[in-house]
């Protein structure tokens, strides 16, 4: 993969490397998203439908991932019409990148609240705040998702405003500079708080399940439900790691711009590749962690193997 770093705080990636990684990942992930949507709309016979707010959180993740990969493919197409001398082309290119970022951030918030939801469902509440949270988890998640969307919509508007003024060669106004700075620090604080919440929720759930499993072993009992809880908790930890790696990259990119007033990843190829990898990993996590997806995929694979075996023999 042709990636080069220069001393003026910038990084570049060849268009061939970008396309060879992002396009296959996007196509495979979109196919997985179609399967996930089918499983949610037409659940397997005898399998209960997801209840709220789990249905909303998983549906939001699937929808955001689909939008991410559609945006990635459109971003690839935009390369063929991109012209540095054409202002409209440059603005479209920058707007496409910001739409991709907005969709990725909303996907991340769904992962965050999914981790909190499983914590509330698995770990018994002991303190008054957690008792209240567990009783009002549906309302809390609905409100959190709405507030998240407004928060990231503010970032989207600020950066669209920023790109348009730069592309039109207008001097940066004080209001724009102030808005960009405020947005940067707000997102940095949000990233740190989200990371702490995800890590704390996942680790607390793992510790509780570990103690519970030891008690089950001592009493010579077993519980398939317990193993399912452990599975979704482990996938939650993996999702936290994916969130950390993707968000750190975005913070580095934003910090480089704040410090040097230059683009860290001017053509956005590295950014799109990182987001594609994050979204693909999220889809794998969903397939492993959610029984409604995992059981249907296993069943389909078994039927395909039977058909192949019958054709060969």
Protein backbone atom coordinates (compact mmCIF):
# COMPACT_ATOMS: atom_id res chain seq x y z
CA UNK A 1 0.00 0.00 0.00
CA UNK A 2 1.50 3.28 -1.12
CA UNK A 3 1.30 5.63 1.87
CA UNK A 4 3.78 8.45 2.33
CA UNK A 5 4.29 10.95 5.16
CA UNK A 6 5.97 14.33 4.71
CA UNK A 7 7.48 16.72 7.24
CA UNK A 8 4.78 19.35 6.82
CA UNK A 9 2.42 17.23 8.90
CA UNK A 10 0.57 15.55 6.06
CA UNK A 11 -0.06 12.01 4.90
CA UNK A 12 -1.04 10.75 1.48
CA UNK A 13 -2.30 7.51 0.00
CA UNK A 14 -2.41 6.55 -3.64
CA UNK A 15 -5.82 6.33 -5.27
CA UNK A 16 -5.06 2.75 -6.37
CA UNK A 17 -4.38 1.66 -2.77
CA UNK A 18 -7.50 3.46 -1.57
CA UNK A 19 -9.73 1.83 -4.16
CA UNK A 20 -8.23 -1.65 -3.73
CA UNK A 21 -9.04 -1.60 0.01
CA UNK A 22 -12.21 0.49 0.33
CA UNK A 23 -14.21 -0.78 -2.64
CA UNK A 24 -14.07 -4.54 -1.77
CA UNK A 25 -14.73 -3.79 1.91
CA UNK A 26 -17.72 -1.61 1.02
CA UNK A 27 -19.24 -4.16 -1.35
CA UNK A 28 -18.85 -7.06 1.12
CA UNK A 29 -20.18 -4.95 3.99
CA UNK A 30 -23.20 -3.81 1.98
CA UNK A 31 -24.00 -7.46 1.23
CA UNK A 32 -23.77 -8.19 4.96
CA UNK A 33 -26.05 -5.23 5.72
CA UNK A 34 -28.66 -6.59 3.29
CA UNK A 35 -28.55 -9.92 5.15
CA UNK A 36 -28.89 -8.12 8.49
CA UNK A 37 -31.90 -6.11 7.32
CA UNK A 38 -33.52 -9.31 6.01
CA UNK A 39 -32.95 -11.02 9.37
CA UNK A 40 -34.51 -8.09 11.25
CA UNK A 41 -37.53 -7.78 8.98
CA UNK A 42 -38.06 -11.54 8.56
CA UNK A 43 -36.78 -13.25 11.71
CA UNK A 44 -36.28 -17.00 11.75
CA UNK A 45 -39.38 -19.01 12.65
CA UNK A 46 -39.63 -19.44 16.40
CA UNK A 47 -37.14 -16.64 17.07
CA UNK A 48 -38.57 -13.57 18.81
CA UNK A 49 -38.18 -10.13 17.29
CA UNK A 50 -35.82 -7.64 18.86
CA UNK A 51 -37.46 -5.40 21.42
CA UNK A 52 -36.90 -1.68 21.81
CA UNK A 53 -34.48 0.00 22.30
CA UNK A 54 -32.26 -2.88 21.11
CA UNK A 55 -34.03 -2.94 17.75
CA UNK A 56 -33.42 0.80 17.28
CA UNK A 57 -29.74 0.59 18.28
CA UNK A 58 -28.93 -2.39 16.04
CA UNK A 59 -31.04 -0.97 13.21
CA UNK A 60 -29.23 2.36 13.56
CA UNK A 61 -25.85 0.60 13.34
CA UNK A 62 -26.89 -1.36 10.26
CA UNK A 63 -28.37 1.73 8.61
CA UNK A 64 -25.33 3.90 9.37
CA UNK A 65 -22.95 1.22 8.08
CA UNK A 66 -24.93 0.93 4.85
CA UNK A 67 -24.87 4.71 4.43
CA UNK A 68 -21.12 4.72 5.18
CA UNK A 69 -20.34 2.30 2.39
CA UNK A 70 -22.67 3.99 -0.07
CA UNK A 71 -20.86 7.27 0.69
CA UNK A 72 -17.50 5.54 0.25
CA UNK A 73 -18.47 4.25 -3.19
CA UNK A 74 -19.79 7.72 -4.14
CA UNK A 75 -16.52 9.16 -2.91
CA UNK A 76 -14.67 6.80 -5.25
CA UNK A 77 -16.90 7.89 -8.13
CA UNK A 78 -16.33 11.57 -7.27
CA UNK A 79 -12.61 11.07 -7.96
CA UNK A 80 -13.40 10.67 -11.64
CA UNK A 81 -15.16 14.06 -11.81
CA UNK A 82 -12.87 15.87 -9.35
CA UNK A 83 -10.99 18.85 -10.75
CA UNK A 84 -8.94 21.24 -8.55
CA UNK A 85 -9.68 24.07 -10.95
CA UNK A 86 -13.45 23.56 -10.68
CA UNK A 87 -14.80 25.14 -7.48
CA UNK A 88 -18.08 23.21 -7.59
CA UNK A 89 -16.18 19.96 -7.96
CA UNK A 90 -13.96 20.77 -4.98
CA UNK A 91 -16.94 21.74 -2.80
CA UNK A 92 -18.78 18.52 -3.73
CA UNK A 93 -15.67 16.51 -2.86
CA UNK A 94 -15.32 18.15 0.56
CA UNK A 95 -19.04 17.86 1.32
CA UNK A 96 -18.93 14.15 0.45
CA UNK A 97 -16.10 13.69 2.97
CA UNK A 98 -18.08 15.51 5.69
CA UNK A 99 -21.22 13.44 5.01
CA UNK A 100 -19.05 10.34 5.45
CA UNK A 101 -17.72 11.69 8.76
CA UNK A 102 -21.20 12.62 10.02
CA UNK A 103 -22.50 9.13 9.25
CA UNK A 104 -19.50 7.50 10.94
CA UNK A 105 -19.97 9.57 14.10
CA UNK A 106 -23.65 8.66 14.35
CA UNK A 107 -22.68 5.01 13.91
CA UNK A 108 -20.20 5.33 16.77
CA UNK A 109 -22.85 6.76 19.12
CA UNK A 110 -25.11 3.77 18.40
CA UNK A 111 -22.24 1.48 19.42
CA UNK A 112 -21.72 3.51 22.59
CA UNK A 113 -25.33 3.28 23.74
CA UNK A 114 -25.56 -0.38 22.72
CA UNK A 115 -22.73 -1.08 25.17
CA UNK A 116 -24.54 0.90 27.89
CA UNK A 117 -27.78 -0.95 27.14
CA UNK A 118 -26.17 -4.37 27.58
CA UNK A 119 -24.52 -3.21 30.80
CA UNK A 120 -27.91 -2.20 32.20
CA UNK A 121 -29.50 -5.48 31.07
CA UNK A 122 -26.78 -7.78 32.44
CA UNK A 123 -25.32 -6.16 35.57
CA UNK A 124 -27.72 -5.80 38.56
CA UNK A 125 -28.21 -2.16 39.55
CA UNK A 126 -27.20 -1.31 43.12
CA UNK A 127 -26.81 2.46 43.28
CA UNK A 128 -29.74 4.82 42.91
CA UNK A 129 -28.52 6.35 39.64
CA UNK A 130 -28.11 2.95 37.94
CA UNK A 131 -31.48 1.80 39.29
CA UNK A 132 -33.06 4.89 37.72
CA UNK A 133 -31.10 4.35 34.50
CA UNK A 134 -32.19 0.73 34.23
CA UNK A 135 -35.85 1.65 34.74
CA UNK A 136 -35.69 4.46 32.17
CA UNK A 137 -33.16 2.96 29.74
CA UNK A 138 -35.49 3.24 26.75
CA UNK A 139 -36.22 6.94 27.25
CA UNK A 140 -32.57 7.63 28.09
CA UNK A 141 -31.29 6.00 24.88
CA UNK A 142 -33.90 7.75 22.72
CA UNK A 143 -32.91 11.12 24.18
CA UNK A 144 -29.18 10.37 23.91
CA UNK A 145 -29.46 9.39 20.23
CA UNK A 146 -31.39 12.57 19.40
CA UNK A 147 -28.91 14.80 21.27
CA UNK A 148 -25.98 13.04 19.58
CA UNK A 149 -27.45 13.74 16.17
CA UNK A 150 -27.81 17.45 16.93
CA UNK A 151 -24.29 17.59 18.36
CA UNK A 152 -22.70 16.05 15.27
CA UNK A 153 -25.00 18.03 12.96
CA UNK A 154 -23.41 21.16 14.47
CA UNK A 155 -19.95 19.81 13.57
CA UNK A 156 -21.18 18.97 10.07
CA UNK A 157 -22.53 22.50 9.47
CA UNK A 158 -19.39 24.16 10.86
CA UNK A 159 -17.04 22.21 8.61
CA UNK A 160 -19.23 22.62 5.52
CA UNK A 161 -19.15 26.37 6.19
CA UNK A 162 -15.39 26.13 6.68
CA UNK A 163 -14.76 24.24 3.42
CA UNK A 164 -16.97 26.53 1.36
CA UNK A 165 -15.12 29.65 2.56
CA UNK A 166 -11.74 28.02 1.86
CA UNK A 167 -12.78 26.73 -1.57
CA UNK A 168 -14.15 30.14 -2.50
CA UNK A 169 -10.88 31.74 -1.26
CA UNK A 170 -12.70 33.85 1.30
CA UNK A 171 -10.81 35.06 4.41
CA UNK A 172 -11.69 33.07 7.52
CA UNK A 173 -14.00 35.11 9.72
CA UNK A 174 -13.69 35.33 13.49
CA UNK A 175 -17.04 33.57 13.92
CA UNK A 176 -15.88 30.65 11.76
CA UNK A 177 -12.54 30.34 13.57
CA UNK A 178 -14.31 30.41 16.93
CA UNK A 179 -16.89 27.81 15.81
CA UNK A 180 -14.17 25.47 14.47
CA UNK A 181 -12.17 25.73 17.70
CA UNK A 182 -15.21 25.16 19.91
CA UNK A 183 -16.28 22.21 17.77
CA UNK A 184 -12.81 20.65 17.99
CA UNK A 185 -12.64 20.81 21.79
CA UNK A 186 -16.22 19.64 22.24
CA UNK A 187 -15.59 16.59 20.07
CA UNK A 188 -12.34 15.86 21.91
CA UNK A 189 -14.15 15.93 25.27
CA UNK A 190 -16.97 13.82 23.82
CA UNK A 191 -14.46 11.27 22.51
CA UNK A 192 -12.76 10.94 25.91
CA UNK A 193 -16.07 10.65 27.79
CA UNK A 194 -17.44 8.11 25.31
CA UNK A 195 -14.29 6.03 25.53
CA UNK A 196 -14.44 6.05 29.33
CA UNK A 197 -18.13 5.06 29.33
CA UNK A 198 -17.58 2.22 26.84
CA UNK A 199 -14.52 0.87 28.67
CA UNK A 200 -16.17 1.13 32.08
CA UNK A 201 -19.39 -0.51 30.93
CA UNK A 202 -17.62 -3.35 29.13
CA UNK A 203 -15.12 -4.05 31.92
CA UNK A 204 -17.80 -3.93 34.63
CA UNK A 205 -19.94 -6.37 32.64
CA UNK A 206 -17.01 -8.74 32.09
CA UNK A 207 -16.11 -8.72 35.80
CA UNK A 208 -19.71 -9.41 36.81
CA UNK A 209 -20.10 -12.26 34.31
CA UNK A 210 -16.78 -13.75 35.36
CA UNK A 211 -17.87 -13.86 39.00
CA UNK A 212 -21.26 -15.22 37.98
CA UNK A 213 -19.70 -17.97 35.86
CA UNK A 214 -17.46 -19.03 38.77
CA UNK A 215 -20.54 -19.30 40.99
CA UNK A 216 -22.28 -21.39 38.32
CA UNK A 217 -19.28 -23.71 38.06
CA UNK A 218 -19.14 -24.18 41.83
CA UNK A 219 -22.81 -25.12 41.87
CA UNK A 220 -22.34 -27.42 38.80
CA UNK A 221 -24.84 -25.48 36.73
CA UNK A 222 -24.58 -24.13 33.21
CA UNK A 223 -26.50 -21.45 31.38
CA UNK A 224 -26.57 -20.88 27.60
CA UNK A 225 -27.96 -17.42 28.34
CA UNK A 226 -24.81 -16.62 30.32
CA UNK A 227 -22.57 -17.58 27.40
CA UNK A 228 -24.66 -15.37 25.11
CA UNK A 229 -24.18 -12.47 27.52
CA UNK A 230 -20.44 -13.06 27.58
CA UNK A 231 -20.38 -13.10 23.77
CA UNK A 232 -22.08 -9.72 23.39
CA UNK A 233 -19.83 -8.30 26.11
CA UNK A 234 -16.67 -9.45 24.32
CA UNK A 235 -17.92 -8.02 21.03
CA UNK A 236 -18.60 -4.79 22.95
CA UNK A 237 -14.95 -4.67 24.03
CA UNK A 238 -13.84 -5.26 20.44
CA UNK A 239 -16.19 -2.46 19.33
CA UNK A 240 -14.62 -0.17 21.94
CA UNK A 241 -11.19 -0.93 20.45
CA UNK A 242 -12.47 -0.17 16.94
CA UNK A 243 -13.99 3.07 18.19
CA UNK A 244 -10.74 4.02 19.91
CA UNK A 245 -8.57 3.43 16.82
CA UNK A 246 -10.95 5.24 14.45
CA UNK A 247 -11.55 8.20 16.77
CA UNK A 248 -7.84 8.59 17.56
CA UNK A 249 -7.17 8.92 13.84
CA UNK A 250 -9.84 11.60 13.53
CA UNK A 251 -8.49 13.48 16.56
CA UNK A 252 -4.95 13.36 15.13
CA UNK A 253 -6.22 14.70 11.81
CA UNK A 254 -8.21 17.50 13.49
CA UNK A 255 -5.31 18.35 15.83
CA UNK A 256 -2.88 18.58 12.93
CA UNK A 257 -5.20 21.04 11.20
CA UNK A 258 -5.64 23.10 14.38
CA UNK A 259 -1.87 23.29 14.98
CA UNK A 260 -0.63 23.79 11.42
CA UNK A 261 -3.74 25.18 9.64
CA UNK A 262 -3.06 22.67 6.85
CA UNK A 263 -4.73 19.48 5.73
CA UNK A 264 -3.34 16.32 7.32
CA UNK A 265 -5.06 14.07 4.76
CA UNK A 266 -5.92 16.43 1.91
CA UNK A 267 -7.51 13.90 -0.46
CA UNK A 268 -9.29 12.04 2.40
CA UNK A 269 -8.16 8.62 1.09
CA UNK A 270 -6.65 7.50 4.40
CA UNK A 271 -9.71 8.77 6.26
CA UNK A 272 -12.11 6.79 4.04
CA UNK A 273 -9.97 3.67 4.37
CA UNK A 274 -9.93 3.92 8.18
CA UNK A 275 -13.71 4.40 8.25
CA UNK A 276 -14.24 1.47 5.86
CA UNK A 277 -12.16 -0.78 8.11
CA UNK A 278 -14.07 0.44 11.18
CA UNK A 279 -17.45 -0.21 9.55
CA UNK A 280 -16.40 -3.64 8.28
CA UNK A 281 -15.22 -4.59 11.78
CA UNK A 282 -18.55 -3.34 13.19
CA UNK A 283 -20.45 -5.60 10.79
CA UNK A 284 -18.36 -8.62 11.81
CA UNK A 285 -19.11 -7.76 15.44
CA UNK A 286 -22.83 -7.55 14.75
CA UNK A 287 -22.79 -10.90 12.97
CA UNK A 288 -21.02 -12.57 15.89
CA UNK A 289 -22.71 -10.78 18.79
CA UNK A 290 -26.37 -10.73 17.72
CA UNK A 291 -28.05 -14.14 17.78
CA UNK A 292 -30.70 -13.04 15.26
CA UNK A 293 -27.90 -12.62 12.70
CA UNK A 294 -25.53 -15.37 13.81
CA UNK A 295 -28.09 -18.19 13.83
CA UNK A 296 -29.53 -17.25 10.44
CA UNK A 297 -26.04 -16.99 8.88
CA UNK A 298 -25.09 -20.41 10.31
CA UNK A 299 -28.32 -21.89 8.94
CA UNK A 300 -27.73 -20.41 5.48
CA UNK A 301 -24.13 -21.70 5.45
CA UNK A 302 -25.32 -25.17 6.39
CA UNK A 303 -27.87 -25.19 3.57
CA UNK A 304 -25.27 -23.97 1.08
CA UNK A 305 -22.88 -26.73 2.19
CA UNK A 306 -25.66 -29.31 1.77
CA UNK A 307 -26.42 -28.05 -1.74
CA UNK A 308 -22.74 -28.08 -2.71
CA UNK A 309 -22.32 -31.57 -1.24
CA UNK A 310 -25.37 -32.80 -3.17
CA UNK A 311 -24.07 -31.34 -6.44
CA UNK A 312 -20.63 -32.89 -5.98
CA UNK A 313 -22.07 -36.30 -5.20
